[in-house]
Protein backbone atom coordinates (compact mmCIF):
# COMPACT_ATOMS: atom_id res chain seq x y z
CA UNK A 1 26.82 -3.48 -1.25
CA UNK A 2 27.20 -0.56 -3.43
CA UNK A 3 24.40 0.36 -5.96
CA UNK A 4 25.04 3.12 -8.47
CA UNK A 5 23.08 6.02 -8.70
CA UNK A 6 21.90 7.00 -12.54
CA UNK A 7 20.18 9.77 -11.27
CA UNK A 8 21.56 13.03 -13.15
CA UNK A 9 23.98 11.09 -14.84
CA UNK A 10 26.48 11.27 -12.02
CA UNK A 11 28.37 8.26 -10.72
CA UNK A 12 27.50 9.02 -7.32
CA UNK A 13 27.47 5.57 -5.18
CA UNK A 14 24.36 5.01 -2.94
CA UNK A 15 24.65 2.63 -0.09
CA UNK A 16 21.64 0.19 0.30
CA UNK A 17 19.50 0.58 3.43
CA UNK A 18 19.59 -2.28 5.87
CA UNK A 19 16.11 -3.22 7.63
CA UNK A 20 16.13 -1.60 11.13
CA UNK A 21 14.63 -4.79 12.52
CA UNK A 22 16.88 -7.36 10.97
CA UNK A 23 19.93 -5.08 12.18
CA UNK A 24 18.96 -5.69 15.72
CA UNK A 25 17.31 -9.15 15.29
CA UNK A 26 14.02 -8.04 16.34
CA UNK A 27 11.35 -11.00 15.68
CA UNK A 28 8.32 -9.45 16.46
CA UNK A 29 6.94 -5.88 16.61
CA UNK A 30 5.00 -4.94 19.79
CA UNK A 31 2.38 -2.83 19.23
CA UNK A 32 2.42 -1.21 22.56
CA UNK A 33 5.98 0.31 21.50
CA UNK A 34 4.58 3.62 20.58
CA UNK A 35 8.14 5.36 19.98
CA UNK A 36 9.29 2.94 17.49
CA UNK A 37 5.73 2.69 15.74
CA UNK A 38 5.60 6.72 15.39
CA UNK A 39 9.12 6.40 13.66
CA UNK A 40 7.41 4.45 10.96
CA UNK A 41 4.77 6.80 10.19
CA UNK A 42 4.75 10.41 8.88
CA UNK A 43 2.95 13.63 10.55
CA UNK A 44 -0.44 12.72 9.33
CA UNK A 45 -0.04 8.85 10.51
CA UNK A 46 0.30 7.58 7.34
CA UNK A 47 2.58 4.53 7.14
CA UNK A 48 5.96 5.33 5.21
CA UNK A 49 6.69 2.58 2.46
CA UNK A 50 9.44 0.35 2.99
CA UNK A 51 11.84 2.17 0.30
CA UNK A 52 11.74 5.26 2.99
CA UNK A 53 13.35 3.21 5.97
CA UNK A 54 14.65 0.03 3.95
CA UNK A 55 12.68 -2.35 5.92
CA UNK A 56 12.54 -5.74 4.60
CA UNK A 57 9.09 -7.04 3.41
CA UNK A 58 8.51 -9.43 6.39
CA UNK A 59 9.03 -6.73 8.69
CA UNK A 60 6.95 -4.24 6.81
CA UNK A 61 4.07 -6.48 6.91
CA UNK A 62 4.33 -6.88 10.81
CA UNK A 63 5.13 -3.41 11.13
CA UNK A 64 1.85 -2.35 9.24
CA UNK A 65 -0.34 -4.97 11.38
CA UNK A 66 1.28 -3.41 14.59
CA UNK A 67 0.57 0.17 13.31
CA UNK A 68 -3.14 -0.61 12.57
CA UNK A 69 -3.45 -2.43 15.99
CA UNK A 70 -2.17 0.61 17.90
CA UNK A 71 -4.60 2.68 15.83
CA UNK A 72 -7.79 0.38 17.13
CA UNK A 73 -6.19 0.57 20.83
CA UNK A 74 -5.99 4.41 20.58
CA UNK A 75 -2.00 4.30 21.16
CA UNK A 76 -1.59 6.16 17.92
CA UNK A 77 -4.05 8.28 15.79
CA UNK A 78 -5.68 7.34 12.79
CA UNK A 79 -5.43 10.70 11.33
CA UNK A 80 -3.76 14.07 12.33
CA UNK A 81 -5.15 17.22 11.33
């Protein structure tokens, strides 16, 4: 699906991002998979919004829950200074 970009009045076509988890048909996101979780957090430990990586609403909710659970289990830091 092509979406037209209206920035700067140019007709550049921008492709819609596909959810990573829907693409690989992943149902549950494991909080112990630290490498996957770190991909969706920034250097300060904040969770990226769904628009950044194109995750769907269903997987964004389960991803946020997995990140919060991993923080409590001390697998991922709450805040990085």
